[in-house]
Each structure stands twice: as C-alpha cells, then as structure tokens.
Full PDB file with SEQRES, HELIX, SHEET, SSBOND, CRYST1, ORIGX, SCALE, CONECT and MASTER records, all heavy atoms in Angstrom:
SEQRES   1 A   44  GLY LYS ALA ILE GLY TRP TYR ARG GLN ARG PRO GLY LYS          
SEQRES   2 A   44  GLN ARG GLU LEU VAL ALA GLY LEU SER ARG ASP ASP ASN          
SEQRES   3 A   44  ILE ASN LEU LEU ASP SER VAL LYS GLY ARG PHE THR ILE          
SEQRES   4 A   44  SER ARG ASP ASN ALA                                          
HELIX    1 AA1 ASP A   31  VAL A   33  5                                   3    
SHEET    1 AA1 3 ILE A   4  ARG A   8  0                                        
SHEET    2 AA1 3 GLU A  16  LEU A  21 -1                                        
SHEET    3 AA1 3 ILE A  27  LEU A  29 -1                                        
CRYST1    1.000    1.000    1.000  90.00  90.00  90.00 P 1           1          
ORIGX1      1.000000  0.000000  0.000000        0.00000                         
ORIGX2      0.000000  1.000000  0.000000        0.00000                         
ORIGX3      0.000000  0.000000  1.000000        0.00000                         
SCALE1      1.000000  0.000000  0.000000        0.00000                         
SCALE2      0.000000  1.000000  0.000000        0.00000                         
SCALE3      0.000000  0.000000  1.000000        0.00000                         
ATOM      1  N   GLY A   1     195.008 247.789 -12.698  1.00  0.00           N  
ATOM      2  CA  GLY A   1     193.811 247.615 -13.434  1.00  0.00           C  
ATOM      3  C   GLY A   1     193.128 246.356 -13.487  1.00  0.00           C  
ATOM      4  O   GLY A   1     192.190 246.111 -14.158  1.00  0.00           O  
ATOM      5  N   LYS A   2     193.459 245.525 -12.507  1.00  0.00           N  
ATOM      6  CA  LYS A   2     192.754 244.272 -12.234  1.00  0.00           C  
ATOM      7  C   LYS A   2     191.959 244.244 -10.999  1.00  0.00           C  
ATOM      8  O   LYS A   2     192.384 244.973 -10.099  1.00  0.00           O  
ATOM      9  CB  LYS A   2     193.891 243.098 -12.094  1.00  0.00           C  
ATOM     10  CG  LYS A   2     194.925 242.936 -13.199  1.00  0.00           C  
ATOM     11  CD  LYS A   2     194.373 242.566 -14.543  1.00  0.00           C  
ATOM     12  CE  LYS A   2     195.499 242.213 -15.478  1.00  0.00           C  
ATOM     13  NZ  LYS A   2     196.413 243.348 -15.685  1.00  0.00           N  
ATOM     14  N   ALA A   3     191.011 243.451 -10.972  1.00  0.00           N  
ATOM     15  CA  ALA A   3     190.260 243.154  -9.676  1.00  0.00           C  
ATOM     16  C   ALA A   3     191.044 242.366  -8.760  1.00  0.00           C  
ATOM     17  O   ALA A   3     191.422 241.229  -9.083  1.00  0.00           O  
ATOM     18  CB  ALA A   3     188.859 242.665  -9.986  1.00  0.00           C  
ATOM     19  N   ILE A   4     191.225 242.766  -7.540  1.00  0.00           N  
ATOM     20  CA  ILE A   4     192.096 242.021  -6.651  1.00  0.00           C  
ATOM     21  C   ILE A   4     191.317 241.931  -5.321  1.00  0.00           C  
ATOM     22  O   ILE A   4     190.307 242.604  -5.203  1.00  0.00           O  
ATOM     23  CB  ILE A   4     193.391 242.663  -6.376  1.00  0.00           C  
ATOM     24  CG1 ILE A   4     193.250 244.052  -5.696  1.00  0.00           C  
ATOM     25  CG2 ILE A   4     194.324 242.646  -7.582  1.00  0.00           C  
ATOM     26  CD1 ILE A   4     194.491 244.732  -5.241  1.00  0.00           C  
ATOM     27  N   GLY A   5     191.676 240.873  -4.521  1.00  0.00           N  
ATOM     28  CA  GLY A   5     191.008 240.782  -3.328  1.00  0.00           C  
ATOM     29  C   GLY A   5     191.730 239.832  -2.241  1.00  0.00           C  
ATOM     30  O   GLY A   5     192.746 239.159  -2.620  1.00  0.00           O  
ATOM     31  N   TRP A   6     191.317 240.055  -1.090  1.00  0.00           N  
ATOM     32  CA  TRP A   6     191.866 239.239  -0.024  1.00  0.00           C  
ATOM     33  C   TRP A   6     190.679 238.364   0.578  1.00  0.00           C  
ATOM     34  O   TRP A   6     189.602 238.859   0.919  1.00  0.00           O  
ATOM     35  CB  TRP A   6     192.435 240.038   1.229  1.00  0.00           C  
ATOM     36  CG  TRP A   6     193.664 240.666   0.921  1.00  0.00           C  
ATOM     37  CD1 TRP A   6     193.951 241.867   0.377  1.00  0.00           C  
ATOM     38  CD2 TRP A   6     195.047 240.107   1.092  1.00  0.00           C  
ATOM     39  NE1 TRP A   6     195.344 242.044   0.270  1.00  0.00           N  
ATOM     40  CE2 TRP A   6     195.998 240.947   0.724  1.00  0.00           C  
ATOM     41  CE3 TRP A   6     195.408 238.772   1.587  1.00  0.00           C  
ATOM     42  CZ2 TRP A   6     197.356 240.679   0.705  1.00  0.00           C  
ATOM     43  CZ3 TRP A   6     196.753 238.511   1.559  1.00  0.00           C  
ATOM     44  CH2 TRP A   6     197.738 239.471   1.191  1.00  0.00           C  
ATOM     45  N   TYR A   7     190.960 237.124   0.679  1.00  0.00           N  
ATOM     46  CA  TYR A   7     189.927 236.136   1.194  1.00  0.00           C  
ATOM     47  C   TYR A   7     190.450 235.485   2.446  1.00  0.00           C  
ATOM     48  O   TYR A   7     191.777 235.489   2.733  1.00  0.00           O  
ATOM     49  CB  TYR A   7     189.577 234.969   0.147  1.00  0.00           C  
ATOM     50  CG  TYR A   7     188.912 235.427  -1.064  1.00  0.00           C  
ATOM     51  CD1 TYR A   7     189.439 236.258  -1.965  1.00  0.00           C  
ATOM     52  CD2 TYR A   7     187.575 235.145  -1.166  1.00  0.00           C  
ATOM     53  CE1 TYR A   7     188.734 236.728  -3.119  1.00  0.00           C  
ATOM     54  CE2 TYR A   7     186.815 235.538  -2.347  1.00  0.00           C  
ATOM     55  CZ  TYR A   7     187.463 236.328  -3.168  1.00  0.00           C  
ATOM     56  OH  TYR A   7     186.730 236.702  -4.499  1.00  0.00           O  
ATOM     57  N   ARG A   8     189.681 234.898   3.107  1.00  0.00           N  
ATOM     58  CA  ARG A   8     190.068 234.116   4.466  1.00  0.00           C  
ATOM     59  C   ARG A   8     189.251 232.852   4.530  1.00  0.00           C  
ATOM     60  O   ARG A   8     188.196 232.785   4.165  1.00  0.00           O  
ATOM     61  CB  ARG A   8     190.114 234.909   5.586  1.00  0.00           C  
ATOM     62  CG  ARG A   8     188.630 235.208   6.168  1.00  0.00           C  
ATOM     63  CD  ARG A   8     188.780 236.124   7.458  1.00  0.00           C  
ATOM     64  NE  ARG A   8     187.459 236.409   7.837  1.00  0.00           N  
ATOM     65  CZ  ARG A   8     187.312 237.338   8.981  1.00  0.00           C  
ATOM     66  NH1 ARG A   8     188.315 238.125   9.487  1.00  0.00           N  
ATOM     67  NH2 ARG A   8     186.051 237.547   9.347  1.00  0.00           N  
ATOM     68  N   GLN A   9     189.911 231.835   5.134  1.00  0.00           N  
ATOM     69  CA  GLN A   9     189.272 230.664   5.494  1.00  0.00           C  
ATOM     70  C   GLN A   9     189.413 230.287   6.929  1.00  0.00           C  
ATOM     71  O   GLN A   9     190.535 229.992   7.358  1.00  0.00           O  
ATOM     72  CB  GLN A   9     189.637 229.495   4.575  1.00  0.00           C  
ATOM     73  CG  GLN A   9     188.777 228.286   4.752  1.00  0.00           C  
ATOM     74  CD  GLN A   9     188.914 227.319   3.600  1.00  0.00           C  
ATOM     75  OE1 GLN A   9     189.779 227.406   2.763  1.00  0.00           O  
ATOM     76  NE2 GLN A   9     187.853 226.331   3.542  1.00  0.00           N  
ATOM     77  N   ARG A  10     188.392 230.506   7.839  1.00  0.00           N  
ATOM     78  CA  ARG A  10     188.532 230.314   9.037  1.00  0.00           C  
ATOM     79  C   ARG A  10     188.304 228.752   9.436  1.00  0.00           C  
ATOM     80  O   ARG A  10     187.643 228.108   8.617  1.00  0.00           O  
ATOM     81  CB  ARG A  10     187.492 231.050   9.872  1.00  0.00           C  
ATOM     82  CG  ARG A  10     187.763 232.633   9.784  1.00  0.00           C  
ATOM     83  CD  ARG A  10     186.766 233.424  10.614  1.00  0.00           C  
ATOM     84  NE  ARG A  10     185.394 233.547   9.931  1.00  0.00           N  
ATOM     85  CZ  ARG A  10     184.368 233.982  10.556  1.00  0.00           C  
ATOM     86  NH1 ARG A  10     184.564 234.575  11.667  1.00  0.00           N  
ATOM     87  NH2 ARG A  10     183.197 234.092   9.949  1.00  0.00           N  
ATOM     88  N   PRO A  11     188.683 228.351  10.476  1.00  0.00           N  
ATOM     89  CA  PRO A  11     188.631 226.867  10.803  1.00  0.00           C  
ATOM     90  C   PRO A  11     187.110 226.379  10.755  1.00  0.00           C  
ATOM     91  O   PRO A  11     186.298 226.981  11.286  1.00  0.00           O  
ATOM     92  CB  PRO A  11     189.105 226.674  12.177  1.00  0.00           C  
ATOM     93  CG  PRO A  11     190.145 227.779  12.262  1.00  0.00           C  
ATOM     94  CD  PRO A  11     189.500 228.933  11.578  1.00  0.00           C  
ATOM     95  N   GLY A  12     186.837 225.402   9.944  1.00  0.00           N  
ATOM     96  CA  GLY A  12     185.561 224.775   9.803  1.00  0.00           C  
ATOM     97  C   GLY A  12     184.655 225.715   9.027  1.00  0.00           C  
ATOM     98  O   GLY A  12     183.388 225.290   8.899  1.00  0.00           O  
ATOM     99  N   LYS A  13     185.074 226.715   8.330  1.00  0.00           N  
ATOM    100  CA  LYS A  13     184.261 227.692   7.504  1.00  0.00           C  
ATOM    101  C   LYS A  13     184.655 227.652   6.106  1.00  0.00           C  
ATOM    102  O   LYS A  13     185.740 227.183   5.705  1.00  0.00           O  
ATOM    103  CB  LYS A  13     184.349 229.033   8.091  1.00  0.00           C  
ATOM    104  CG  LYS A  13     183.993 229.185   9.502  1.00  0.00           C  
ATOM    105  CD  LYS A  13     182.550 229.054   9.888  1.00  0.00           C  
ATOM    106  CE  LYS A  13     182.160 229.388  11.262  1.00  0.00           C  
ATOM    107  NZ  LYS A  13     180.748 229.294  11.573  1.00  0.00           N  
ATOM    108  N   GLN A  14     183.767 228.123   5.237  1.00  0.00           N  
ATOM    109  CA  GLN A  14     184.087 228.251   3.856  1.00  0.00           C  
ATOM    110  C   GLN A  14     184.924 229.562   3.732  1.00  0.00           C  
ATOM    111  O   GLN A  14     184.968 230.440   4.489  1.00  0.00           O  
ATOM    112  CB  GLN A  14     182.787 228.345   2.966  1.00  0.00           C  
ATOM    113  CG  GLN A  14     182.035 227.193   2.931  1.00  0.00           C  
ATOM    114  CD  GLN A  14     180.891 227.202   1.869  1.00  0.00           C  
ATOM    115  OE1 GLN A  14     180.355 228.222   1.648  1.00  0.00           O  
ATOM    116  NE2 GLN A  14     180.575 226.142   1.257  1.00  0.00           N  
ATOM    117  N   ARG A  15     185.790 229.616   2.626  1.00  0.00           N  
ATOM    118  CA  ARG A  15     186.402 230.694   2.201  1.00  0.00           C  
ATOM    119  C   ARG A  15     185.587 231.910   1.918  1.00  0.00           C  
ATOM    120  O   ARG A  15     184.444 231.746   1.283  1.00  0.00           O  
ATOM    121  CB  ARG A  15     187.346 230.476   1.055  1.00  0.00           C  
ATOM    122  CG  ARG A  15     188.424 231.489   0.781  1.00  0.00           C  
ATOM    123  CD  ARG A  15     189.404 230.976  -0.405  1.00  0.00           C  
ATOM    124  NE  ARG A  15     189.993 229.724  -0.023  1.00  0.00           N  
ATOM    125  CZ  ARG A  15     191.162 229.361  -0.797  1.00  0.00           C  
ATOM    126  NH1 ARG A  15     191.420 229.918  -1.906  1.00  0.00           N  
ATOM    127  NH2 ARG A  15     191.719 228.300  -0.455  1.00  0.00           N  
ATOM    128  N   GLU A  16     185.962 233.099   2.500  1.00  0.00           N  
ATOM    129  CA  GLU A  16     185.070 234.304   2.260  1.00  0.00           C  
ATOM    130  C   GLU A  16     185.926 235.474   1.825  1.00  0.00           C  
ATOM    131  O   GLU A  16     187.068 235.557   2.162  1.00  0.00           O  
ATOM    132  CB  GLU A  16     184.355 234.556   3.644  1.00  0.00           C  
ATOM    133  CG  GLU A  16     185.174 234.869   4.795  1.00  0.00           C  
ATOM    134  CD  GLU A  16     184.396 235.160   6.036  1.00  0.00           C  
ATOM    135  OE1 GLU A  16     183.197 235.165   6.054  1.00  0.00           O  
ATOM    136  OE2 GLU A  16     185.096 235.178   7.066  1.00  0.00           O  
ATOM    137  N   LEU A  17     185.289 236.351   1.183  1.00  0.00           N  
ATOM    138  CA  LEU A  17     185.878 237.516   0.688  1.00  0.00           C  
ATOM    139  C   LEU A  17     185.907 238.622   1.835  1.00  0.00           C  
ATOM    140  O   LEU A  17     184.800 238.859   2.367  1.00  0.00           O  
ATOM    141  CB  LEU A  17     185.117 238.207  -0.477  1.00  0.00           C  
ATOM    142  CG  LEU A  17     185.637 239.593  -0.909  1.00  0.00           C  
ATOM    143  CD1 LEU A  17     187.097 239.415  -1.542  1.00  0.00           C  
ATOM    144  CD2 LEU A  17     184.726 240.130  -1.987  1.00  0.00           C  
ATOM    145  N   VAL A  18     187.148 238.961   2.173  1.00  0.00           N  
ATOM    146  CA  VAL A  18     187.302 239.877   3.160  1.00  0.00           C  
ATOM    147  C   VAL A  18     187.332 241.381   2.743  1.00  0.00           C  
ATOM    148  O   VAL A  18     186.747 242.175   3.273  1.00  0.00           O  
ATOM    149  CB  VAL A  18     188.689 239.661   4.025  1.00  0.00           C  
ATOM    150  CG1 VAL A  18     188.889 240.601   5.085  1.00  0.00           C  
ATOM    151  CG2 VAL A  18     188.531 238.310   4.598  1.00  0.00           C  
ATOM    152  N   ALA A  19     188.179 241.558   1.617  1.00  0.00           N  
ATOM    153  CA  ALA A  19     188.230 242.905   1.011  1.00  0.00           C  
ATOM    154  C   ALA A  19     188.491 242.711  -0.500  1.00  0.00           C  
ATOM    155  O   ALA A  19     189.393 241.956  -0.730  1.00  0.00           O  
ATOM    156  CB  ALA A  19     189.404 243.630   1.733  1.00  0.00           C  
ATOM    157  N   GLY A  20     187.824 243.533  -1.248  1.00  0.00           N  
ATOM    158  CA  GLY A  20     188.008 243.524  -2.608  1.00  0.00           C  
ATOM    159  C   GLY A  20     188.270 244.815  -3.124  1.00  0.00           C  
ATOM    160  O   GLY A  20     187.780 245.814  -2.526  1.00  0.00           O  
ATOM    161  N   LEU A  21     189.064 245.033  -4.223  1.00  0.00           N  
ATOM    162  CA  LEU A  21     189.515 246.294  -4.690  1.00  0.00           C  
ATOM    163  C   LEU A  21     189.102 246.129  -6.360  1.00  0.00           C  
ATOM    164  O   LEU A  21     189.795 245.275  -6.920  1.00  0.00           O  
ATOM    165  CB  LEU A  21     190.910 246.630  -4.561  1.00  0.00           C  
ATOM    166  CG  LEU A  21     191.302 248.059  -4.931  1.00  0.00           C  
ATOM    167  CD1 LEU A  21     190.615 248.974  -4.126  1.00  0.00           C  
ATOM    168  CD2 LEU A  21     192.750 248.227  -4.701  1.00  0.00           C  
ATOM    169  N   SER A  22     188.167 246.844  -6.829  1.00  0.00           N  
ATOM    170  CA  SER A  22     187.755 246.602  -8.243  1.00  0.00           C  
ATOM    171  C   SER A  22     188.815 247.235  -9.131  1.00  0.00           C  
ATOM    172  O   SER A  22     189.780 247.802  -8.796  1.00  0.00           O  
ATOM    173  CB  SER A  22     186.408 247.301  -8.546  1.00  0.00           C  
ATOM    174  OG  SER A  22     186.611 248.703  -8.463  1.00  0.00           O  
ATOM    175  N   ARG A  23     188.639 246.910 -10.457  1.00  0.00           N  
ATOM    176  CA  ARG A  23     189.596 247.517 -11.474  1.00  0.00           C  
ATOM    177  C   ARG A  23     189.739 248.975 -11.439  1.00  0.00           C  
ATOM    178  O   ARG A  23     190.714 249.528 -11.747  1.00  0.00           O  
ATOM    179  CB  ARG A  23     189.175 247.088 -12.802  1.00  0.00           C  
ATOM    180  CG  ARG A  23     189.276 245.568 -13.125  1.00  0.00           C  
ATOM    181  CD  ARG A  23     188.836 245.157 -14.506  1.00  0.00           C  
ATOM    182  NE  ARG A  23     187.380 245.369 -14.700  1.00  0.00           N  
ATOM    183  CZ  ARG A  23     186.674 245.187 -15.758  1.00  0.00           C  
ATOM    184  NH1 ARG A  23     187.391 244.870 -16.928  1.00  0.00           N  
ATOM    185  NH2 ARG A  23     185.419 245.425 -15.870  1.00  0.00           N  
ATOM    186  N   ASP A  24     188.581 249.688 -10.958  1.00  0.00           N  
ATOM    187  CA  ASP A  24     188.691 251.123 -10.987  1.00  0.00           C  
ATOM    188  C   ASP A  24     188.849 251.560  -9.476  1.00  0.00           C  
ATOM    189  O   ASP A  24     188.390 252.660  -9.039  1.00  0.00           O  
ATOM    190  CB  ASP A  24     187.521 251.800 -11.531  1.00  0.00           C  
ATOM    191  CG  ASP A  24     186.192 251.289 -11.109  1.00  0.00           C  
ATOM    192  OD1 ASP A  24     186.191 250.253 -10.309  1.00  0.00           O  
ATOM    193  OD2 ASP A  24     185.152 251.737 -11.590  1.00  0.00           O  
ATOM    194  N   ASP A  25     189.334 250.674  -8.622  1.00  0.00           N  
ATOM    195  CA  ASP A  25     189.604 250.978  -7.182  1.00  0.00           C  
ATOM    196  C   ASP A  25     188.564 251.172  -6.271  1.00  0.00           C  
ATOM    197  O   ASP A  25     188.662 251.975  -5.248  1.00  0.00           O  
ATOM    198  CB  ASP A  25     190.834 252.058  -7.169  1.00  0.00           C  
ATOM    199  CG  ASP A  25     192.206 251.683  -7.638  1.00  0.00           C  
ATOM    200  OD1 ASP A  25     192.349 250.407  -7.661  1.00  0.00           O  
ATOM    201  OD2 ASP A  25     193.016 252.526  -7.959  1.00  0.00           O  
ATOM    202  N   ASN A  26     187.390 250.657  -6.531  1.00  0.00           N  
ATOM    203  CA  ASN A  26     186.360 250.729  -5.502  1.00  0.00           C  
ATOM    204  C   ASN A  26     186.502 249.612  -4.568  1.00  0.00           C  
ATOM    205  O   ASN A  26     186.858 248.425  -4.979  1.00  0.00           O  
ATOM    206  CB  ASN A  26     184.916 250.539  -6.264  1.00  0.00           C  
ATOM    207  CG  ASN A  26     184.588 251.812  -7.070  1.00  0.00           C  
ATOM    208  OD1 ASN A  26     184.714 252.902  -6.497  1.00  0.00           O  
ATOM    209  ND2 ASN A  26     184.094 251.549  -8.262  1.00  0.00           N  
ATOM    210  N   ILE A  27     186.369 249.887  -3.311  1.00  0.00           N  
ATOM    211  CA  ILE A  27     186.640 248.953  -2.142  1.00  0.00           C  
ATOM    212  C   ILE A  27     185.293 248.305  -1.709  1.00  0.00           C  
ATOM    213  O   ILE A  27     184.302 249.028  -1.513  1.00  0.00           O  
ATOM    214  CB  ILE A  27     187.365 249.663  -1.100  1.00  0.00           C  
ATOM    215  CG1 ILE A  27     188.745 250.088  -1.473  1.00  0.00           C  
ATOM    216  CG2 ILE A  27     187.499 248.697   0.128  1.00  0.00           C  
ATOM    217  CD1 ILE A  27     189.455 250.962  -0.429  1.00  0.00           C  
ATOM    218  N   ASN A  28     185.433 247.011  -1.548  1.00  0.00           N  
ATOM    219  CA  ASN A  28     184.334 246.373  -0.948  1.00  0.00           C  
ATOM    220  C   ASN A  28     184.845 245.512   0.262  1.00  0.00           C  
ATOM    221  O   ASN A  28     185.795 244.895   0.117  1.00  0.00           O  
ATOM    222  CB  ASN A  28     183.688 245.338  -1.924  1.00  0.00           C  
ATOM    223  CG  ASN A  28     182.514 244.464  -1.445  1.00  0.00           C  
ATOM    224  OD1 ASN A  28     181.700 244.948  -0.642  1.00  0.00           O  
ATOM    225  ND2 ASN A  28     182.600 243.222  -1.768  1.00  0.00           N  
ATOM    226  N   LEU A  29     184.286 245.766   1.403  1.00  0.00           N  
ATOM    227  CA  LEU A  29     184.719 245.058   2.676  1.00  0.00           C  
ATOM    228  C   LEU A  29     183.607 244.322   3.290  1.00  0.00           C  
ATOM    229  O   LEU A  29     182.398 244.696   3.296  1.00  0.00           O  
ATOM    230  CB  LEU A  29     185.134 246.167   3.686  1.00  0.00           C  
ATOM    231  CG  LEU A  29     186.349 246.917   3.429  1.00  0.00           C  
ATOM    232  CD1 LEU A  29     186.513 248.151   4.291  1.00  0.00           C  
ATOM    233  CD2 LEU A  29     187.586 246.056   3.308  1.00  0.00           C  
ATOM    234  N   LEU A  30     184.079 243.105   3.861  1.00  0.00           N  
ATOM    235  CA  LEU A  30     183.179 242.299   4.685  1.00  0.00           C  
ATOM    236  C   LEU A  30     182.533 243.101   5.804  1.00  0.00           C  
ATOM    237  O   LEU A  30     183.314 243.941   6.349  1.00  0.00           O  
ATOM    238  CB  LEU A  30     183.892 241.129   5.152  1.00  0.00           C  
ATOM    239  CG  LEU A  30     183.171 240.021   5.952  1.00  0.00           C  
ATOM    240  CD1 LEU A  30     182.230 239.275   5.007  1.00  0.00           C  
ATOM    241  CD2 LEU A  30     184.159 238.974   6.556  1.00  0.00           C  
ATOM    242  N   ASP A  31     181.363 243.053   6.120  1.00  0.00           N  
ATOM    243  CA  ASP A  31     180.675 243.830   7.229  1.00  0.00           C  
ATOM    244  C   ASP A  31     181.548 243.813   8.524  1.00  0.00           C  
ATOM    245  O   ASP A  31     181.795 244.666   9.220  1.00  0.00           O  
ATOM    246  CB  ASP A  31     179.273 243.420   7.550  1.00  0.00           C  
ATOM    247  CG  ASP A  31     178.388 243.978   6.330  1.00  0.00           C  
ATOM    248  OD1 ASP A  31     178.793 244.865   5.575  1.00  0.00           O  
ATOM    249  OD2 ASP A  31     177.173 243.666   6.423  1.00  0.00           O  
ATOM    250  N   SER A  32     181.899 242.581   8.865  1.00  0.00           N  
ATOM    251  CA  SER A  32     182.586 242.298  10.092  1.00  0.00           C  
ATOM    252  C   SER A  32     183.970 243.053  10.299  1.00  0.00           C  
ATOM    253  O   SER A  32     184.584 243.132  11.318  1.00  0.00           O  
ATOM    254  CB  SER A  32     182.717 240.947  10.504  1.00  0.00           C  
ATOM    255  OG  SER A  32     183.460 240.223   9.517  1.00  0.00           O  
ATOM    256  N   VAL A  33     184.518 243.434   9.042  1.00  0.00           N  
ATOM    257  CA  VAL A  33     185.874 244.050   9.088  1.00  0.00           C  
ATOM    258  C   VAL A  33     185.809 245.512   8.842  1.00  0.00           C  
ATOM    259  O   VAL A  33     186.872 246.232   8.810  1.00  0.00           O  
ATOM    260  CB  VAL A  33     186.810 243.242   8.089  1.00  0.00           C  
ATOM    261  CG1 VAL A  33     186.867 241.807   8.559  1.00  0.00           C  
ATOM    262  CG2 VAL A  33     186.583 243.615   6.843  1.00  0.00           C  
ATOM    263  N   LYS A  34     184.747 246.066   8.544  1.00  0.00           N  
ATOM    264  CA  LYS A  34     184.648 247.436   8.225  1.00  0.00           C  
ATOM    265  C   LYS A  34     185.062 248.258   9.357  1.00  0.00           C  
ATOM    266  O   LYS A  34     184.651 248.033  10.525  1.00  0.00           O  
ATOM    267  CB  LYS A  34     183.278 247.829   7.858  1.00  0.00           C  
ATOM    268  CG  LYS A  34     182.663 247.361   6.425  1.00  0.00           C  
ATOM    269  CD  LYS A  34     181.306 247.715   6.088  1.00  0.00           C  
ATOM    270  CE  LYS A  34     180.978 247.202   4.695  1.00  0.00           C  
ATOM    271  NZ  LYS A  34     179.561 247.477   4.413  1.00  0.00           N  
ATOM    272  N   GLY A  35     185.873 249.422   9.085  1.00  0.00           N  
ATOM    273  CA  GLY A  35     186.484 250.205  10.101  1.00  0.00           C  
ATOM    274  C   GLY A  35     187.706 249.683  10.658  1.00  0.00           C  
ATOM    275  O   GLY A  35     188.316 250.387  11.426  1.00  0.00           O  
ATOM    276  N   ARG A  36     187.984 248.415  10.360  1.00  0.00           N  
ATOM    277  CA  ARG A  36     189.247 247.857  10.862  1.00  0.00           C  
ATOM    278  C   ARG A  36     190.268 247.448   9.895  1.00  0.00           C  
ATOM    279  O   ARG A  36     191.521 247.503   9.992  1.00  0.00           O  
ATOM    280  CB  ARG A  36     188.909 246.483  11.760  1.00  0.00           C  
ATOM    281  CG  ARG A  36     187.933 246.832  12.917  1.00  0.00           C  
ATOM    282  CD  ARG A  36     187.747 245.578  13.796  1.00  0.00           C  
ATOM    283  NE  ARG A  36     187.214 244.489  13.009  1.00  0.00           N  
ATOM    284  CZ  ARG A  36     187.688 243.281  12.987  1.00  0.00           C  
ATOM    285  NH1 ARG A  36     189.025 243.114  13.542  1.00  0.00           N  
ATOM    286  NH2 ARG A  36     187.173 242.272  12.392  1.00  0.00           N  
ATOM    287  N   PHE A  37     189.842 246.921   8.779  1.00  0.00           N  
ATOM    288  CA  PHE A  37     190.736 246.463   7.585  1.00  0.00           C  
ATOM    289  C   PHE A  37     190.608 247.364   6.491  1.00  0.00           C  
ATOM    290  O   PHE A  37     189.560 248.052   6.183  1.00  0.00           O  
ATOM    291  CB  PHE A  37     190.351 245.145   7.112  1.00  0.00           C  
ATOM    292  CG  PHE A  37     190.477 243.948   8.109  1.00  0.00           C  
ATOM    293  CD1 PHE A  37     190.772 244.112   9.471  1.00  0.00           C  
ATOM    294  CD2 PHE A  37     190.351 242.585   7.743  1.00  0.00           C  
ATOM    295  CE1 PHE A  37     190.966 243.126  10.229  1.00  0.00           C  
ATOM    296  CE2 PHE A  37     190.502 241.603   8.565  1.00  0.00           C  
ATOM    297  CZ  PHE A  37     190.785 241.748   9.854  1.00  0.00           C  
ATOM    298  N   THR A  38     191.677 247.408   5.720  1.00  0.00           N  
ATOM    299  CA  THR A  38     191.659 248.164   4.444  1.00  0.00           C  
ATOM    300  C   THR A  38     192.527 247.418   3.428  1.00  0.00           C  
ATOM    301  O   THR A  38     193.565 246.892   3.769  1.00  0.00           O  
ATOM    302  CB  THR A  38     192.039 249.613   4.561  1.00  0.00           C  
ATOM    303  OG1 THR A  38     191.784 250.329   3.359  1.00  0.00           O  
ATOM    304  CG2 THR A  38     193.438 249.821   4.901  1.00  0.00           C  
ATOM    305  N   ILE A  39     192.225 247.598   2.220  1.00  0.00           N  
ATOM    306  CA  ILE A  39     192.971 246.950   1.104  1.00  0.00           C  
ATOM    307  C   ILE A  39     193.557 248.003   0.186  1.00  0.00           C  
ATOM    308  O   ILE A  39     192.953 249.035  -0.066  1.00  0.00           O  
ATOM    309  CB  ILE A  39     192.081 246.029   0.233  1.00  0.00           C  
ATOM    310  CG1 ILE A  39     192.698 245.313  -0.870  1.00  0.00           C  
ATOM    311  CG2 ILE A  39     190.856 246.701  -0.300  1.00  0.00           C  
ATOM    312  CD1 ILE A  39     191.951 244.200  -1.561  1.00  0.00           C  
ATOM    313  N   SER A  40     194.733 247.777  -0.295  1.00  0.00           N  
ATOM    314  CA  SER A  40     195.367 248.722  -1.209  1.00  0.00           C  
ATOM    315  C   SER A  40     196.222 247.931  -2.166  1.00  0.00           C  
ATOM    316  O   SER A  40     196.517 246.782  -2.038  1.00  0.00           O  
ATOM    317  CB  SER A  40     196.141 249.782  -0.355  1.00  0.00           C  
ATOM    318  OG  SER A  40     197.184 249.192   0.316  1.00  0.00           O  
ATOM    319  N   ARG A  41     196.800 248.632  -3.167  1.00  0.00           N  
ATOM    320  CA  ARG A  41     197.653 248.042  -4.178  1.00  0.00           C  
ATOM    321  C   ARG A  41     198.763 249.233  -4.348  1.00  0.00           C  
ATOM    322  O   ARG A  41     198.474 250.320  -4.376  1.00  0.00           O  
ATOM    323  CB  ARG A  41     197.079 247.540  -5.400  1.00  0.00           C  
ATOM    324  CG  ARG A  41     196.777 248.629  -6.367  1.00  0.00           C  
ATOM    325  CD  ARG A  41     196.205 248.022  -7.643  1.00  0.00           C  
ATOM    326  NE  ARG A  41     194.778 248.133  -7.713  1.00  0.00           N  
ATOM    327  CZ  ARG A  41     193.896 247.439  -8.498  1.00  0.00           C  
ATOM    328  NH1 ARG A  41     194.436 246.372  -9.025  1.00  0.00           N  
ATOM    329  NH2 ARG A  41     192.532 247.596  -8.524  1.00  0.00           N  
ATOM    330  N   ASP A  42     200.002 248.699  -4.625  1.00  0.00           N  
ATOM    331  CA  ASP A  42     200.982 249.570  -5.040  1.00  0.00           C  
ATOM    332  C   ASP A  42     201.548 249.103  -6.379  1.00  0.00           C  
ATOM    333  O   ASP A  42     202.090 248.031  -6.532  1.00  0.00           O  
ATOM    334  CB  ASP A  42     202.266 249.402  -4.058  1.00  0.00           C  
ATOM    335  CG  ASP A  42     203.428 250.309  -4.327  1.00  0.00           C  
ATOM    336  OD1 ASP A  42     203.627 250.556  -5.534  1.00  0.00           O  
ATOM    337  OD2 ASP A  42     204.097 250.889  -3.354  1.00  0.00           O  
ATOM    338  N   ASN A  43     201.149 249.790  -7.431  1.00  0.00           N  
ATOM    339  CA  ASN A  43     201.423 249.380  -8.785  1.00  0.00           C  
ATOM    340  C   ASN A  43     202.906 249.333  -9.044  1.00  0.00           C  
ATOM    341  O   ASN A  43     203.396 248.446  -9.898  1.00  0.00           O  
ATOM    342  CB  ASN A  43     200.724 250.337  -9.779  1.00  0.00           C  
ATOM    343  CG  ASN A  43     199.237 250.064  -9.729  1.00  0.00           C  
ATOM    344  OD1 ASN A  43     198.679 248.955  -9.460  1.00  0.00           O  
ATOM    345  ND2 ASN A  43     198.399 251.169 -10.055  1.00  0.00           N  
ATOM    346  N   ALA A  44     203.643 250.261  -8.433  1.00  0.00           N  
ATOM    347  CA  ALA A  44     205.142 250.310  -8.705  1.00  0.00           C  
ATOM    348  C   ALA A  44     205.778 248.985  -8.181  1.00  0.00           C  
ATOM    349  O   ALA A  44     206.727 248.391  -8.756  1.00  0.00           O  
ATOM    350  CB  ALA A  44     205.683 251.601  -8.196  1.00  0.00           C  
TER     351      ALA A  44                                                      
MASTER        0    0    0    1    3    0    0    6  350    1    0    4          
END                                                                             
C-alpha cells in the first residue's frame, strides 16, 4: 500500500526515477526503459 520506486544515478548525472509503483499499483516507467524494465512488489 505504499508508493515505491527504483531510481538510478548515472556517472555525472542527477538521480532519476526509473520505475515507480503507486499505492494502487499503477506503474510509471522512464521512457528509455519502457519495454525493457518492470517493477513489482511481493507483499509476503
């Protein structure tokens, strides 16, 4: 039930959101990783 996310910081760059999962499990992906990355959670 929490908003979670994966961020990354590339060399010389600012930290950016790569994949987010909202409290109601809506997924938001960085354009450059769409079709390649996915985020999930295992509550158990």
